């Protein structure tokens, strides 16, 4: 329960951090070697995470920033102030798949509407809309791998502006694990 409470607090920080970065016009700092171009498709970018083994296609013109902290890693992707998303990855130690009931058990104040089951590269996900004082969001949460045995698993929380949800959904359709 403490883990979900700290995640809840961190999600508020993430929302404000994301709003700050998405609203400013300066470029994000580049994280050396994290973004790889797909050589046979020079018009497209493919993000490849070197440690977590996942990748996905980014539309042309997106920039990114990586912000590790003591609890995990925040990845922020943006093209402009209203086209962007963020991914927060943190260690987790419970069996998956993640369910809306499990999220609400530890984060009862989290607004979750239009909740659906989703899938990323055959991994079950919880897809929902949320609201807080400053943002209306579209979110996708899942565990990978679903079992914490033998090496642990991770909670992935993907968040974007609600009006960008269709674009993010298309990006997430290209998500692959095992890269």
Foldseek 3Di string as FASTA:
>chain_A
DVVLVVVVVVVVVVVVVLLVVLADDDAEDADPPQWDADVVCNQWTKGAGPPQFKIWIDHPQKGWYWDADPFFIKIKIANHSAGIKIKTKGFDADADWDDPVNSCVSVVVWDWPPWDWDDFQNFIWIWTWTDDPPATKTKIWGKPPRHLPPPTIMIMIMIHGPVNVVVVVVRRNRMDGRD
